[in-house]
């Protein structure tokens, strides 16, 4: 099965999460294909990278069923987090301008993956949710970098209370660049991509590099801390209980 599609033409690389029937979950195979697509965009010299998704969800986040079935859940989650973080790091460091197109809910690791875009476009029905603590885990995938876009206390609220962030709220916070009706999202994305593709690739890359380095000069440090944190919690009683409860569709009983 193909989890990620890749196309390149006229300096624009299009990466599409293509497991929409399952909610585009984040697992080792899908992340491997996503990483391969990002590397292809680099080899093709793409000036713009478009990251979009099929189906109702941009991404439901990590495949908790796979977590529950892992023989060594800590090693499994560490491998997955580190693989995803390589993708995030390469997109952040890329000379290409990354445009994410969010047509539905981006949950768990899907949230920071949607937010990795230099330009984030969203349908008015899109929603963003971290929700890690609801299953006894801490955020990964670049979630800690959201503080730079959303502010500390809004990000704390999303991480700890598990609140949903609507597309309009994400726009008001500065994370999302455009919010449009769902049936206008594709056309809006094409307009933005056309503008970027027609611009100066070197000037755009320099602007991206300068501005991103001001707010996060060492994003890999934050990503590694996320990996270590979620790995530790995955092996904890609360982490095991949270994942098991999710799979069994019941309320978790955390011990603290």
C-alpha atoms as a PDB file:
ATOM      1  CA  UNK A   1       0.000   0.000   0.000  1.00  0.00           C
ATOM      2  CA  UNK A   2       1.135   3.535  -0.759  1.00  0.00           C
ATOM      3  CA  UNK A   3       0.849   5.873   2.227  1.00  0.00           C
ATOM      4  CA  UNK A   4       2.406   8.946   0.607  1.00  0.00           C
ATOM      5  CA  UNK A   5       2.306  10.181  -2.997  1.00  0.00           C
ATOM      6  CA  UNK A   6       5.013  12.350  -4.524  1.00  0.00           C
ATOM      7  CA  UNK A   7       4.940  14.504  -7.657  1.00  0.00           C
ATOM      8  CA  UNK A   8       7.283  17.175  -8.958  1.00  0.00           C
ATOM      9  CA  UNK A   9       6.869  19.660 -11.779  1.00  0.00           C
ATOM     10  CA  UNK A  10       8.067  23.184 -12.515  1.00  0.00           C
ATOM     11  CA  UNK A  11       9.948  23.541  -9.237  1.00  0.00           C
ATOM     12  CA  UNK A  12       6.986  22.479  -7.083  1.00  0.00           C
ATOM     13  CA  UNK A  13       7.052  19.205  -5.128  1.00  0.00           C
ATOM     14  CA  UNK A  14       3.655  17.895  -4.024  1.00  0.00           C
ATOM     15  CA  UNK A  15       3.601  15.447  -1.127  1.00  0.00           C
ATOM     16  CA  UNK A  16       0.217  13.949  -0.268  1.00  0.00           C
ATOM     17  CA  UNK A  17      -0.697  11.826   2.726  1.00  0.00           C
ATOM     18  CA  UNK A  18      -2.687   9.180   0.871  1.00  0.00           C
ATOM     19  CA  UNK A  19      -4.072   6.865   3.565  1.00  0.00           C
ATOM     20  CA  UNK A  20      -7.187   8.963   4.011  1.00  0.00           C
ATOM     21  CA  UNK A  21      -9.459   6.000   4.616  1.00  0.00           C
ATOM     22  CA  UNK A  22      -7.578   5.337   7.864  1.00  0.00           C
ATOM     23  CA  UNK A  23      -7.086   8.979   8.802  1.00  0.00           C
ATOM     24  CA  UNK A  24      -3.478   9.232   7.556  1.00  0.00           C
ATOM     25  CA  UNK A  25      -1.977   7.790  10.759  1.00  0.00           C
ATOM     26  CA  UNK A  26       1.653   8.305  11.687  1.00  0.00           C
ATOM     27  CA  UNK A  27       3.494   4.980  11.787  1.00  0.00           C
ATOM     28  CA  UNK A  28       6.927   3.719  10.756  1.00  0.00           C
ATOM     29  CA  UNK A  29       5.925   2.871   7.182  1.00  0.00           C
ATOM     30  CA  UNK A  30       4.097   6.143   6.495  1.00  0.00           C
ATOM     31  CA  UNK A  31       6.920   8.193   8.008  1.00  0.00           C
ATOM     32  CA  UNK A  32       9.489   6.292   5.939  1.00  0.00           C
ATOM     33  CA  UNK A  33       7.554   7.146   2.776  1.00  0.00           C
ATOM     34  CA  UNK A  34       7.153  10.755   3.906  1.00  0.00           C
ATOM     35  CA  UNK A  35      10.894  11.020   4.530  1.00  0.00           C
ATOM     36  CA  UNK A  36      11.620   9.541   1.099  1.00  0.00           C
ATOM     37  CA  UNK A  37       9.309  12.121  -0.478  1.00  0.00           C
ATOM     38  CA  UNK A  38      11.038  14.980   1.358  1.00  0.00           C
ATOM     39  CA  UNK A  39      14.407  13.676   0.174  1.00  0.00           C
ATOM     40  CA  UNK A  40      13.054  13.452  -3.384  1.00  0.00           C
ATOM     41  CA  UNK A  41      11.988  17.089  -3.197  1.00  0.00           C
ATOM     42  CA  UNK A  42      15.513  18.016  -2.139  1.00  0.00           C
ATOM     43  CA  UNK A  43      17.095  16.018  -4.967  1.00  0.00           C
ATOM     44  CA  UNK A  44      14.684  17.561  -7.477  1.00  0.00           C
ATOM     45  CA  UNK A  45      15.646  21.046  -6.317  1.00  0.00           C
ATOM     46  CA  UNK A  46      12.064  21.994  -5.479  1.00  0.00           C
ATOM     47  CA  UNK A  47      11.553  25.682  -4.712  1.00  0.00           C
ATOM     48  CA  UNK A  48       8.180  24.975  -3.088  1.00  0.00           C
ATOM     49  CA  UNK A  49       7.022  21.872  -1.203  1.00  0.00           C
ATOM     50  CA  UNK A  50       3.277  21.359  -0.785  1.00  0.00           C
ATOM     51  CA  UNK A  51       2.220  18.967   1.981  1.00  0.00           C
ATOM     52  CA  UNK A  52      -1.465  18.014   1.763  1.00  0.00           C
ATOM     53  CA  UNK A  53      -3.671  15.075   2.693  1.00  0.00           C
ATOM     54  CA  UNK A  54      -6.618  13.057   1.451  1.00  0.00           C
ATOM     55  CA  UNK A  55      -9.752  12.181   3.390  1.00  0.00           C
ATOM     56  CA  UNK A  56     -11.575  13.665   6.371  1.00  0.00           C
ATOM     57  CA  UNK A  57      -8.429  14.081   8.462  1.00  0.00           C
ATOM     58  CA  UNK A  58      -5.130  15.735   7.728  1.00  0.00           C
ATOM     59  CA  UNK A  59      -3.760  13.157  10.173  1.00  0.00           C
ATOM     60  CA  UNK A  60      -5.100  11.426  13.265  1.00  0.00           C
ATOM     61  CA  UNK A  61      -1.554  11.208  14.636  1.00  0.00           C
ATOM     62  CA  UNK A  62       0.204   8.144  15.990  1.00  0.00           C
ATOM     63  CA  UNK A  63      -1.157   4.645  15.467  1.00  0.00           C
ATOM     64  CA  UNK A  64      -1.901   3.784  19.095  1.00  0.00           C
ATOM     65  CA  UNK A  65      -2.905   0.251  18.151  1.00  0.00           C
ATOM     66  CA  UNK A  66       0.657  -0.325  16.984  1.00  0.00           C
ATOM     67  CA  UNK A  67       1.958   1.186  20.232  1.00  0.00           C
ATOM     68  CA  UNK A  68      -0.160  -1.231  22.254  1.00  0.00           C
ATOM     69  CA  UNK A  69       1.038  -4.220  20.242  1.00  0.00           C
ATOM     70  CA  UNK A  70       4.755  -3.421  20.378  1.00  0.00           C
ATOM     71  CA  UNK A  71       7.004  -5.874  22.242  1.00  0.00           C
ATOM     72  CA  UNK A  72       9.193  -2.994  23.453  1.00  0.00           C
ATOM     73  CA  UNK A  73       6.961   0.059  23.407  1.00  0.00           C
ATOM     74  CA  UNK A  74       9.705   2.443  24.517  1.00  0.00           C
ATOM     75  CA  UNK A  75      12.041   1.435  21.687  1.00  0.00           C
ATOM     76  CA  UNK A  76       9.146   1.415  19.228  1.00  0.00           C
ATOM     77  CA  UNK A  77       8.037   4.949  20.088  1.00  0.00           C
ATOM     78  CA  UNK A  78      11.609   6.228  20.207  1.00  0.00           C
ATOM     79  CA  UNK A  79      12.236   4.874  16.695  1.00  0.00           C
ATOM     80  CA  UNK A  80       9.005   6.420  15.432  1.00  0.00           C
ATOM     81  CA  UNK A  81       9.592   9.789  17.080  1.00  0.00           C
ATOM     82  CA  UNK A  82      13.149  10.009  15.802  1.00  0.00           C
ATOM     83  CA  UNK A  83      12.039   9.096  12.265  1.00  0.00           C
ATOM     84  CA  UNK A  84       9.312  11.733  12.318  1.00  0.00           C
ATOM     85  CA  UNK A  85      11.672  14.300  13.779  1.00  0.00           C
ATOM     86  CA  UNK A  86      14.094  13.797  10.889  1.00  0.00           C
ATOM     87  CA  UNK A  87      11.260  14.720   8.536  1.00  0.00           C
ATOM     88  CA  UNK A  88      10.343  17.799  10.579  1.00  0.00           C
ATOM     89  CA  UNK A  89      13.981  18.899  10.831  1.00  0.00           C
ATOM     90  CA  UNK A  90      14.558  18.554   7.096  1.00  0.00           C
ATOM     91  CA  UNK A  91      11.410  20.526   6.246  1.00  0.00           C
ATOM     92  CA  UNK A  92      12.341  23.287   8.697  1.00  0.00           C
ATOM     93  CA  UNK A  93      15.910  23.403   7.373  1.00  0.00           C
ATOM     94  CA  UNK A  94      14.906  23.066   3.709  1.00  0.00           C
ATOM     95  CA  UNK A  95      15.677  25.867   1.271  1.00  0.00           C
ATOM     96  CA  UNK A  96      12.228  25.268  -0.207  1.00  0.00           C
ATOM     97  CA  UNK A  97       9.204  27.127   1.116  1.00  0.00           C
ATOM     98  CA  UNK A  98       6.869  24.563   2.674  1.00  0.00           C
ATOM     99  CA  UNK A  99       3.118  25.049   2.246  1.00  0.00           C
ATOM    100  CA  UNK A 100       0.846  22.813   4.315  1.00  0.00           C
ATOM    101  CA  UNK A 101      -2.762  22.448   3.218  1.00  0.00           C
ATOM    102  CA  UNK A 102      -4.997  21.338   6.091  1.00  0.00           C
ATOM    103  CA  UNK A 103      -8.404  20.137   4.941  1.00  0.00           C
ATOM    104  CA  UNK A 104      -9.491  18.371   8.148  1.00  0.00           C
ATOM    105  CA  UNK A 105      -8.510  17.640  11.727  1.00  0.00           C
ATOM    106  CA  UNK A 106      -4.799  17.467  12.536  1.00  0.00           C
ATOM    107  CA  UNK A 107      -4.458  15.554  15.809  1.00  0.00           C
ATOM    108  CA  UNK A 108      -1.534  14.355  17.886  1.00  0.00           C
ATOM    109  CA  UNK A 109       1.611  14.285  15.751  1.00  0.00           C
ATOM    110  CA  UNK A 110      -0.550  15.451  12.854  1.00  0.00           C
ATOM    111  CA  UNK A 111      -0.798  18.884  14.480  1.00  0.00           C
ATOM    112  CA  UNK A 112       2.924  19.783  14.470  1.00  0.00           C
ATOM    113  CA  UNK A 113       3.250  18.136  11.052  1.00  0.00           C
ATOM    114  CA  UNK A 114       0.585  20.513   9.732  1.00  0.00           C
ATOM    115  CA  UNK A 115       2.257  23.410  11.517  1.00  0.00           C
ATOM    116  CA  UNK A 116       5.698  22.672  10.032  1.00  0.00           C
ATOM    117  CA  UNK A 117       4.686  24.671   6.969  1.00  0.00           C
ATOM    118  CA  UNK A 118       6.211  28.083   6.432  1.00  0.00           C
ATOM    119  CA  UNK A 119       2.769  28.940   5.058  1.00  0.00           C
ATOM    120  CA  UNK A 120      -0.186  27.061   6.586  1.00  0.00           C
ATOM    121  CA  UNK A 121      -3.508  27.078   4.731  1.00  0.00           C
ATOM    122  CA  UNK A 122      -6.664  25.672   6.297  1.00  0.00           C
ATOM    123  CA  UNK A 123     -10.272  24.929   5.463  1.00  0.00           C
ATOM    124  CA  UNK A 124     -12.706  26.639   7.813  1.00  0.00           C
ATOM    125  CA  UNK A 125     -13.674  23.195   9.099  1.00  0.00           C
ATOM    126  CA  UNK A 126     -10.099  22.247  10.053  1.00  0.00           C
ATOM    127  CA  UNK A 127      -9.241  21.676  13.694  1.00  0.00           C
ATOM    128  CA  UNK A 128      -5.998  21.158  15.572  1.00  0.00           C
ATOM    129  CA  UNK A 129      -5.514  18.997  18.679  1.00  0.00           C
ATOM    130  CA  UNK A 130      -2.503  17.733  20.625  1.00  0.00           C
ATOM    131  CA  UNK A 131      -4.332  15.281  22.939  1.00  0.00           C
ATOM    132  CA  UNK A 132      -1.172  13.412  24.006  1.00  0.00           C
ATOM    133  CA  UNK A 133      -1.769  13.785  27.728  1.00  0.00           C
ATOM    134  CA  UNK A 134      -5.193  12.155  27.341  1.00  0.00           C
ATOM    135  CA  UNK A 135      -3.348   8.901  26.654  1.00  0.00           C
ATOM    136  CA  UNK A 136      -0.595   9.454  29.234  1.00  0.00           C
ATOM    137  CA  UNK A 137       2.053  10.657  26.781  1.00  0.00           C
ATOM    138  CA  UNK A 138       3.898  13.914  26.158  1.00  0.00           C
ATOM    139  CA  UNK A 139       3.863  15.764  22.825  1.00  0.00           C
ATOM    140  CA  UNK A 140       6.330  14.987  20.058  1.00  0.00           C
ATOM    141  CA  UNK A 141       6.642  15.631  16.331  1.00  0.00           C
ATOM    142  CA  UNK A 142       7.781  19.203  16.912  1.00  0.00           C
ATOM    143  CA  UNK A 143       4.912  20.139  19.216  1.00  0.00           C
ATOM    144  CA  UNK A 144       7.205  22.149  21.490  1.00  0.00           C
ATOM    145  CA  UNK A 145       8.044  24.389  18.529  1.00  0.00           C
ATOM    146  CA  UNK A 146       4.387  25.484  18.507  1.00  0.00           C
ATOM    147  CA  UNK A 147       5.228  27.825  21.389  1.00  0.00           C
ATOM    148  CA  UNK A 148       6.907  30.123  18.865  1.00  0.00           C
ATOM    149  CA  UNK A 149       3.735  30.339  16.768  1.00  0.00           C
ATOM    150  CA  UNK A 150       1.013  30.162  19.404  1.00  0.00           C
ATOM    151  CA  UNK A 151       2.616  31.470  22.588  1.00  0.00           C
ATOM    152  CA  UNK A 152       3.417  29.612  25.785  1.00  0.00           C
ATOM    153  CA  UNK A 153       0.105  29.613  27.595  1.00  0.00           C
ATOM    154  CA  UNK A 154      -2.067  28.805  24.597  1.00  0.00           C
ATOM    155  CA  UNK A 155       0.216  25.874  23.810  1.00  0.00           C
ATOM    156  CA  UNK A 156       0.115  24.752  27.453  1.00  0.00           C
ATOM    157  CA  UNK A 157      -3.685  24.831  27.341  1.00  0.00           C
ATOM    158  CA  UNK A 158      -3.734  22.743  24.168  1.00  0.00           C
ATOM    159  CA  UNK A 159      -1.182  20.271  25.542  1.00  0.00           C
ATOM    160  CA  UNK A 160      -2.530  19.840  29.063  1.00  0.00           C
ATOM    161  CA  UNK A 161      -6.288  20.384  28.743  1.00  0.00           C
ATOM    162  CA  UNK A 162      -6.500  18.820  25.302  1.00  0.00           C
ATOM    163  CA  UNK A 163      -8.553  21.691  23.889  1.00  0.00           C
ATOM    164  CA  UNK A 164      -9.307  21.895  20.187  1.00  0.00           C
ATOM    165  CA  UNK A 165      -7.985  24.838  18.212  1.00  0.00           C
ATOM    166  CA  UNK A 166     -10.294  25.861  15.375  1.00  0.00           C
ATOM    167  CA  UNK A 167      -8.987  27.069  12.033  1.00  0.00           C
ATOM    168  CA  UNK A 168     -10.150  30.597  12.861  1.00  0.00           C
ATOM    169  CA  UNK A 169      -8.420  30.515  16.246  1.00  0.00           C
ATOM    170  CA  UNK A 170      -5.252  29.264  14.566  1.00  0.00           C
ATOM    171  CA  UNK A 171      -5.523  32.160  12.104  1.00  0.00           C
ATOM    172  CA  UNK A 172      -6.092  34.692  14.891  1.00  0.00           C
ATOM    173  CA  UNK A 173      -3.016  33.302  16.688  1.00  0.00           C
ATOM    174  CA  UNK A 174      -0.896  33.744  13.551  1.00  0.00           C
ATOM    175  CA  UNK A 175      -0.271  30.066  12.819  1.00  0.00           C
ATOM    176  CA  UNK A 176      -2.552  29.818   9.790  1.00  0.00           C
ATOM    177  CA  UNK A 177      -2.084  32.200   6.870  1.00  0.00           C
ATOM    178  CA  UNK A 178      -5.473  31.737   5.167  1.00  0.00           C
ATOM    179  CA  UNK A 179      -8.800  30.230   6.272  1.00  0.00           C
ATOM    180  CA  UNK A 180     -11.215  29.537   3.447  1.00  0.00           C
ATOM    181  CA  UNK A 181     -14.300  27.381   2.809  1.00  0.00           C
ATOM    182  CA  UNK A 182     -13.352  23.758   2.181  1.00  0.00           C
ATOM    183  CA  UNK A 183     -14.390  23.905  -1.467  1.00  0.00           C
ATOM    184  CA  UNK A 184     -12.042  26.855  -2.031  1.00  0.00           C
ATOM    185  CA  UNK A 185      -8.988  25.377  -0.298  1.00  0.00           C
ATOM    186  CA  UNK A 186      -7.430  23.724  -3.359  1.00  0.00           C
ATOM    187  CA  UNK A 187      -7.777  26.867  -5.480  1.00  0.00           C
ATOM    188  CA  UNK A 188      -6.363  29.032  -2.699  1.00  0.00           C
ATOM    189  CA  UNK A 189      -3.404  26.688  -2.333  1.00  0.00           C
ATOM    190  CA  UNK A 190      -2.702  26.877  -6.062  1.00  0.00           C
ATOM    191  CA  UNK A 191      -2.751  30.680  -5.959  1.00  0.00           C
ATOM    192  CA  UNK A 192      -0.275  30.757  -3.068  1.00  0.00           C
ATOM    193  CA  UNK A 193       1.969  28.141  -4.676  1.00  0.00           C
ATOM    194  CA  UNK A 194       1.958  30.014  -7.996  1.00  0.00           C
ATOM    195  CA  UNK A 195       3.003  33.211  -6.227  1.00  0.00           C
ATOM    196  CA  UNK A 196       5.830  31.444  -4.424  1.00  0.00           C
ATOM    197  CA  UNK A 197       7.020  29.565  -7.525  1.00  0.00           C
ATOM    198  CA  UNK A 198       7.182  32.812  -9.497  1.00  0.00           C
ATOM    199  CA  UNK A 199       9.216  34.564  -6.784  1.00  0.00           C
ATOM    200  CA  UNK A 200      12.931  34.602  -6.084  1.00  0.00           C
ATOM    201  CA  UNK A 201      13.838  31.195  -4.685  1.00  0.00           C
ATOM    202  CA  UNK A 202      17.083  32.490  -3.187  1.00  0.00           C
ATOM    203  CA  UNK A 203      15.417  35.483  -1.507  1.00  0.00           C
ATOM    204  CA  UNK A 204      12.575  33.353  -0.155  1.00  0.00           C
ATOM    205  CA  UNK A 205      15.028  30.776   1.199  1.00  0.00           C
ATOM    206  CA  UNK A 206      17.130  33.486   2.848  1.00  0.00           C
ATOM    207  CA  UNK A 207      14.067  35.047   4.476  1.00  0.00           C
ATOM    208  CA  UNK A 208      12.954  31.661   5.777  1.00  0.00           C
ATOM    209  CA  UNK A 209      16.395  30.861   7.149  1.00  0.00           C
ATOM    210  CA  UNK A 210      16.846  34.230   8.888  1.00  0.00           C
ATOM    211  CA  UNK A 211      13.417  34.298  10.513  1.00  0.00           C
ATOM    212  CA  UNK A 212      13.344  30.671  11.592  1.00  0.00           C
ATOM    213  CA  UNK A 213      16.810  30.894  13.134  1.00  0.00           C
ATOM    214  CA  UNK A 214      15.704  33.825  15.292  1.00  0.00           C
ATOM    215  CA  UNK A 215      12.903  31.868  16.989  1.00  0.00           C
ATOM    216  CA  UNK A 216      14.428  28.371  16.914  1.00  0.00           C
ATOM    217  CA  UNK A 217      18.167  28.369  16.236  1.00  0.00           C
ATOM    218  CA  UNK A 218      18.469  24.706  17.268  1.00  0.00           C
ATOM    219  CA  UNK A 219      15.146  22.930  16.592  1.00  0.00           C
ATOM    220  CA  UNK A 220      16.845  19.532  16.727  1.00  0.00           C
ATOM    221  CA  UNK A 221      17.538  20.039  20.435  1.00  0.00           C
ATOM    222  CA  UNK A 222      13.826  20.493  21.116  1.00  0.00           C
ATOM    223  CA  UNK A 223      12.984  17.488  18.937  1.00  0.00           C
ATOM    224  CA  UNK A 224      15.437  15.240  20.774  1.00  0.00           C
ATOM    225  CA  UNK A 225      14.012  16.290  24.131  1.00  0.00           C
ATOM    226  CA  UNK A 226      10.558  15.364  22.846  1.00  0.00           C
ATOM    227  CA  UNK A 227      11.800  11.907  21.830  1.00  0.00           C
ATOM    228  CA  UNK A 228      13.337  11.256  25.234  1.00  0.00           C
ATOM    229  CA  UNK A 229      10.210  12.444  27.039  1.00  0.00           C
ATOM    230  CA  UNK A 230       7.646  10.420  25.087  1.00  0.00           C
ATOM    231  CA  UNK A 231       9.903   7.353  25.236  1.00  0.00           C
ATOM    232  CA  UNK A 232      10.071   7.558  29.035  1.00  0.00           C
ATOM    233  CA  UNK A 233       6.331   8.052  29.389  1.00  0.00           C
ATOM    234  CA  UNK A 234       5.540   5.219  26.969  1.00  0.00           C
ATOM    235  CA  UNK A 235       7.053   2.773  29.441  1.00  0.00           C
ATOM    236  CA  UNK A 236       5.422   4.350  32.490  1.00  0.00           C
ATOM    237  CA  UNK A 237       2.243   2.990  34.122  1.00  0.00           C
ATOM    238  CA  UNK A 238       0.227   6.004  32.958  1.00  0.00           C
ATOM    239  CA  UNK A 239       1.541   5.719  29.423  1.00  0.00           C
ATOM    240  CA  UNK A 240       0.691   2.049  29.199  1.00  0.00           C
ATOM    241  CA  UNK A 241      -2.728   2.608  30.736  1.00  0.00           C
ATOM    242  CA  UNK A 242      -3.520   5.549  28.454  1.00  0.00           C
ATOM    243  CA  UNK A 243      -2.704   3.673  25.268  1.00  0.00           C
ATOM    244  CA  UNK A 244      -4.520   0.539  26.444  1.00  0.00           C
ATOM    245  CA  UNK A 245      -7.604   2.540  27.381  1.00  0.00           C
ATOM    246  CA  UNK A 246      -7.657   4.230  23.985  1.00  0.00           C
ATOM    247  CA  UNK A 247      -7.431   0.920  22.140  1.00  0.00           C
ATOM    248  CA  UNK A 248     -10.080  -0.613  24.386  1.00  0.00           C
ATOM    249  CA  UNK A 249     -12.322   2.464  24.004  1.00  0.00           C
ATOM    250  CA  UNK A 250     -12.671   3.169  27.693  1.00  0.00           C
ATOM    251  CA  UNK A 251     -11.725   5.966  30.069  1.00  0.00           C
ATOM    252  CA  UNK A 252      -8.169   5.657  31.374  1.00  0.00           C
ATOM    253  CA  UNK A 253      -7.450   5.235  35.089  1.00  0.00           C
ATOM    254  CA  UNK A 254      -4.268   7.183  35.692  1.00  0.00           C
ATOM    255  CA  UNK A 255      -2.326   6.765  38.899  1.00  0.00           C
ATOM    256  CA  UNK A 256      -0.276   9.957  38.565  1.00  0.00           C
END
